[in-house]
Amino acid sequence: MAYYNVANIYYEQGNYSAAKNYFNKIVILDPNGPYGNEATKVLNNLKNMGY
């Protein structure tokens, strides 16, 4: 999924706001699939980091 790749690039660059937006889109598009599950984990990590 292209959104997942973009989200990871933003995440690796430290642009957590943009990454969060893309990870949220992934959860909407693939809520129970592998990308959605992984995006949910990353979003939880970002939340714990204060983002």
PDB file of N, CA and C in Angstrom:
ATOM      1  N   MET A   1       0.841  -1.175   0.000  1.00  0.00           N
ATOM      2  CA  MET A   1       0.000   0.000   0.000  1.00  0.00           C
ATOM      3  C   MET A   1       0.891   1.245   0.000  1.00  0.00           C
ATOM      4  N   ALA A   2       0.646   2.125  -0.932  1.00  0.00           N
ATOM      5  CA  ALA A   2       1.474   3.322  -1.091  1.00  0.00           C
ATOM      6  C   ALA A   2       1.417   4.222   0.137  1.00  0.00           C
ATOM      7  N   TYR A   3       0.234   4.358   0.743  1.00  0.00           N
ATOM      8  CA  TYR A   3       0.113   5.201   1.938  1.00  0.00           C
ATOM      9  C   TYR A   3       1.055   4.730   3.042  1.00  0.00           C
ATOM     10  N   TYR A   4       1.222   3.438   3.161  1.00  0.00           N
ATOM     11  CA  TYR A   4       2.089   2.886   4.206  1.00  0.00           C
ATOM     12  C   TYR A   4       3.539   3.307   3.971  1.00  0.00           C
ATOM     13  N   ASN A   5       3.975   3.251   2.720  1.00  0.00           N
ATOM     14  CA  ASN A   5       5.339   3.660   2.397  1.00  0.00           C
ATOM     15  C   ASN A   5       5.551   5.139   2.680  1.00  0.00           C
ATOM     16  N   VAL A   6       4.587   5.964   2.289  1.00  0.00           N
ATOM     17  CA  VAL A   6       4.691   7.405   2.529  1.00  0.00           C
ATOM     18  C   VAL A   6       4.711   7.684   4.031  1.00  0.00           C
ATOM     19  N   ALA A   7       3.828   7.021   4.770  1.00  0.00           N
ATOM     20  CA  ALA A   7       3.771   7.210   6.222  1.00  0.00           C
ATOM     21  C   ALA A   7       5.104   6.858   6.870  1.00  0.00           C
ATOM     22  N   ASN A   8       5.706   5.775   6.442  1.00  0.00           N
ATOM     23  CA  ASN A   8       6.994   5.366   7.011  1.00  0.00           C
ATOM     24  C   ASN A   8       8.107   6.345   6.680  1.00  0.00           C
ATOM     25  N   ILE A   9       8.082   6.901   5.484  1.00  0.00           N
ATOM     26  CA  ILE A   9       9.092   7.902   5.120  1.00  0.00           C
ATOM     27  C   ILE A   9       8.967   9.119   6.028  1.00  0.00           C
ATOM     28  N   TYR A  10       7.737   9.611   6.188  1.00  0.00           N
ATOM     29  CA  TYR A  10       7.535  10.753   7.083  1.00  0.00           C
ATOM     30  C   TYR A  10       7.960  10.409   8.507  1.00  0.00           C
ATOM     31  N   TYR A  11       7.632   9.225   8.954  1.00  0.00           N
ATOM     32  CA  TYR A  11       7.993   8.799  10.310  1.00  0.00           C
ATOM     33  C   TYR A  11       9.511   8.792  10.486  1.00  0.00           C
ATOM     34  N   GLU A  12      10.213   8.218   9.525  1.00  0.00           N
ATOM     35  CA  GLU A  12      11.671   8.132   9.600  1.00  0.00           C
ATOM     36  C   GLU A  12      12.320   9.505   9.548  1.00  0.00           C
ATOM     37  N   GLN A  13      11.673  10.462   8.870  1.00  0.00           N
ATOM     38  CA  GLN A  13      12.192  11.824   8.793  1.00  0.00           C
ATOM     39  C   GLN A  13      11.864  12.631  10.045  1.00  0.00           C
ATOM     40  N   GLY A  14      11.049  12.068  10.926  1.00  0.00           N
ATOM     41  CA  GLY A  14      10.662  12.782  12.137  1.00  0.00           C
ATOM     42  C   GLY A  14       9.480  13.702  11.950  1.00  0.00           C
ATOM     43  N   ASN A  15       8.830  13.627  10.803  1.00  0.00           N
ATOM     44  CA  ASN A  15       7.634  14.430  10.537  1.00  0.00           C
ATOM     45  C   ASN A  15       6.428  13.627  11.017  1.00  0.00           C
ATOM     46  N   TYR A  16       6.262  13.593  12.333  1.00  0.00           N
ATOM     47  CA  TYR A  16       5.263  12.722  12.941  1.00  0.00           C
ATOM     48  C   TYR A  16       3.833  13.156  12.643  1.00  0.00           C
ATOM     49  N   SER A  17       3.621  14.441  12.457  1.00  0.00           N
ATOM     50  CA  SER A  17       2.276  14.924  12.143  1.00  0.00           C
ATOM     51  C   SER A  17       1.810  14.380  10.795  1.00  0.00           C
ATOM     52  N   ALA A  18       2.663  14.474   9.787  1.00  0.00           N
ATOM     53  CA  ALA A  18       2.314  13.956   8.462  1.00  0.00           C
ATOM     54  C   ALA A  18       2.197  12.437   8.502  1.00  0.00           C
ATOM     55  N   ALA A  19       3.105  11.783   9.210  1.00  0.00           N
ATOM     56  CA  ALA A  19       3.050  10.325   9.325  1.00  0.00           C
ATOM     57  C   ALA A  19       1.738   9.894   9.960  1.00  0.00           C
ATOM     58  N   LYS A  20       1.341  10.596  11.004  1.00  0.00           N
ATOM     59  CA  LYS A  20       0.097  10.275  11.701  1.00  0.00           C
ATOM     60  C   LYS A  20      -1.099  10.380  10.760  1.00  0.00           C
ATOM     61  N   ASN A  21      -1.117  11.414   9.927  1.00  0.00           N
ATOM     62  CA  ASN A  21      -2.215  11.566   8.962  1.00  0.00           C
ATOM     63  C   ASN A  21      -2.295  10.370   8.021  1.00  0.00           C
ATOM     64  N   TYR A  22      -1.165   9.928   7.520  1.00  0.00           N
ATOM     65  CA  TYR A  22      -1.165   8.794   6.595  1.00  0.00           C
ATOM     66  C   TYR A  22      -1.489   7.484   7.298  1.00  0.00           C
ATOM     67  N   PHE A  23      -0.969   7.290   8.504  1.00  0.00           N
ATOM     68  CA  PHE A  23      -1.305   6.070   9.236  1.00  0.00           C
ATOM     69  C   PHE A  23      -2.797   6.016   9.547  1.00  0.00           C
ATOM     70  N   ASN A  24      -3.393   7.160   9.843  1.00  0.00           N
ATOM     71  CA  ASN A  24      -4.845   7.190  10.069  1.00  0.00           C
ATOM     72  C   ASN A  24      -5.615   6.801   8.813  1.00  0.00           C
ATOM     73  N   LYS A  25      -5.152   7.253   7.648  1.00  0.00           N
ATOM     74  CA  LYS A  25      -5.799   6.871   6.384  1.00  0.00           C
ATOM     75  C   LYS A  25      -5.719   5.360   6.179  1.00  0.00           C
ATOM     76  N   ILE A  26      -4.591   4.782   6.533  1.00  0.00           N
ATOM     77  CA  ILE A  26      -4.411   3.337   6.380  1.00  0.00           C
ATOM     78  C   ILE A  26      -5.395   2.580   7.257  1.00  0.00           C
ATOM     79  N   VAL A  27      -5.572   3.041   8.485  1.00  0.00           N
ATOM     80  CA  VAL A  27      -6.506   2.376   9.399  1.00  0.00           C
ATOM     81  C   VAL A  27      -7.921   2.427   8.837  1.00  0.00           C
ATOM     82  N   ILE A  28      -8.281   3.535   8.212  1.00  0.00           N
ATOM     83  CA  ILE A  28      -9.612   3.655   7.609  1.00  0.00           C
ATOM     84  C   ILE A  28      -9.759   2.699   6.424  1.00  0.00           C
ATOM     85  N   LEU A  29      -8.724   2.616   5.593  1.00  0.00           N
ATOM     86  CA  LEU A  29      -8.796   1.802   4.378  1.00  0.00           C
ATOM     87  C   LEU A  29      -8.609   0.307   4.627  1.00  0.00           C
ATOM     88  N   ASP A  30      -7.859  -0.038   5.655  1.00  0.00           N
ATOM     89  CA  ASP A  30      -7.518  -1.447   5.916  1.00  0.00           C
ATOM     90  C   ASP A  30      -7.601  -1.728   7.417  1.00  0.00           C
ATOM     91  N   PRO A  31      -8.774  -1.552   8.019  1.00  0.00           N
ATOM     92  CA  PRO A  31      -8.873  -1.608   9.484  1.00  0.00           C
ATOM     93  C   PRO A  31      -8.467  -2.939  10.111  1.00  0.00           C
ATOM     94  N   ASN A  32      -8.705  -4.039   9.439  1.00  0.00           N
ATOM     95  CA  ASN A  32      -8.409  -5.352  10.019  1.00  0.00           C
ATOM     96  C   ASN A  32      -7.306  -6.102   9.290  1.00  0.00           C
ATOM     97  N   GLY A  33      -6.715  -5.465   8.305  1.00  0.00           N
ATOM     98  CA  GLY A  33      -5.667  -6.108   7.529  1.00  0.00           C
ATOM     99  C   GLY A  33      -4.294  -5.849   8.120  1.00  0.00           C
ATOM    100  N   PRO A  34      -3.283  -6.399   7.501  1.00  0.00           N
ATOM    101  CA  PRO A  34      -1.924  -6.271   8.039  1.00  0.00           C
ATOM    102  C   PRO A  34      -1.425  -4.829   8.088  1.00  0.00           C
ATOM    103  N   TYR A  35      -1.747  -4.034   7.069  1.00  0.00           N
ATOM    104  CA  TYR A  35      -1.308  -2.639   7.081  1.00  0.00           C
ATOM    105  C   TYR A  35      -2.045  -1.853   8.156  1.00  0.00           C
ATOM    106  N   GLY A  36      -3.325  -2.093   8.274  1.00  0.00           N
ATOM    107  CA  GLY A  36      -4.108  -1.413   9.303  1.00  0.00           C
ATOM    108  C   GLY A  36      -3.650  -1.766  10.699  1.00  0.00           C
ATOM    109  N   ASN A  37      -3.343  -3.033  10.918  1.00  0.00           N
ATOM    110  CA  ASN A  37      -2.856  -3.463  12.235  1.00  0.00           C
ATOM    111  C   ASN A  37      -1.519  -2.813  12.572  1.00  0.00           C
ATOM    112  N   GLU A  38      -0.637  -2.777  11.600  1.00  0.00           N
ATOM    113  CA  GLU A  38       0.678  -2.167  11.834  1.00  0.00           C
ATOM    114  C   GLU A  38       0.542  -0.659  12.040  1.00  0.00           C
ATOM    115  N   ALA A  39      -0.330  -0.029  11.260  1.00  0.00           N
ATOM    116  CA  ALA A  39      -0.554   1.410  11.416  1.00  0.00           C
ATOM    117  C   ALA A  39      -1.113   1.724  12.796  1.00  0.00           C
ATOM    118  N   THR A  40      -1.986   0.882  13.297  1.00  0.00           N
ATOM    119  CA  THR A  40      -2.545   1.079  14.637  1.00  0.00           C
ATOM    120  C   THR A  40      -1.447   1.019  15.691  1.00  0.00           C
ATOM    121  N   LYS A  41      -0.518   0.094  15.532  1.00  0.00           N
ATOM    122  CA  LYS A  41       0.602  -0.010  16.475  1.00  0.00           C
ATOM    123  C   LYS A  41       1.449   1.263  16.458  1.00  0.00           C
ATOM    124  N   VAL A  42       1.737   1.750  15.259  1.00  0.00           N
ATOM    125  CA  VAL A  42       2.558   2.957  15.147  1.00  0.00           C
ATOM    126  C   VAL A  42       1.814   4.157  15.730  1.00  0.00           C
ATOM    127  N   LEU A  43       0.517   4.259  15.453  1.00  0.00           N
ATOM    128  CA  LEU A  43      -0.269   5.359  16.012  1.00  0.00           C
ATOM    129  C   LEU A  43      -0.273   5.312  17.537  1.00  0.00           C
ATOM    130  N   ASN A  44      -0.353   4.130  18.108  1.00  0.00           N
ATOM    131  CA  ASN A  44      -0.285   4.003  19.567  1.00  0.00           C
ATOM    132  C   ASN A  44       1.074   4.447  20.093  1.00  0.00           C
ATOM    133  N   ASN A  45       2.144   4.099  19.372  1.00  0.00           N
ATOM    134  CA  ASN A  45       3.483   4.540  19.768  1.00  0.00           C
ATOM    135  C   ASN A  45       3.595   6.059  19.702  1.00  0.00           C
ATOM    136  N   LEU A  46       3.057   6.654  18.634  1.00  0.00           N
ATOM    137  CA  LEU A  46       3.090   8.107  18.503  1.00  0.00           C
ATOM    138  C   LEU A  46       2.312   8.773  19.633  1.00  0.00           C
ATOM    139  N   LYS A  47       1.182   8.182  19.981  1.00  0.00           N
ATOM    140  CA  LYS A  47       0.379   8.723  21.077  1.00  0.00           C
ATOM    141  C   LYS A  47       1.170   8.680  22.381  1.00  0.00           C
ATOM    142  N   ASN A  48       1.866   7.574  22.617  1.00  0.00           N
ATOM    143  CA  ASN A  48       2.685   7.447  23.826  1.00  0.00           C
ATOM    144  C   ASN A  48       3.851   8.432  23.838  1.00  0.00           C
ATOM    145  N   MET A  49       4.291   8.844  22.645  1.00  0.00           N
ATOM    146  CA  MET A  49       5.370   9.822  22.518  1.00  0.00           C
ATOM    147  C   MET A  49       4.845  11.253  22.653  1.00  0.00           C
ATOM    148  N   GLY A  50       3.529  11.401  22.702  1.00  0.00           N
ATOM    149  CA  GLY A  50       2.944  12.726  22.860  1.00  0.00           C
ATOM    150  C   GLY A  50       2.495  13.380  21.573  1.00  0.00           C
ATOM    151  N   TYR A  51       2.365  12.597  20.509  1.00  0.00           N
ATOM    152  CA  TYR A  51       1.927  13.150  19.217  1.00  0.00           C
ATOM    153  C   TYR A  51       0.518  12.743  18.892  1.00  0.00           C
TER     154      TYR A  51
END
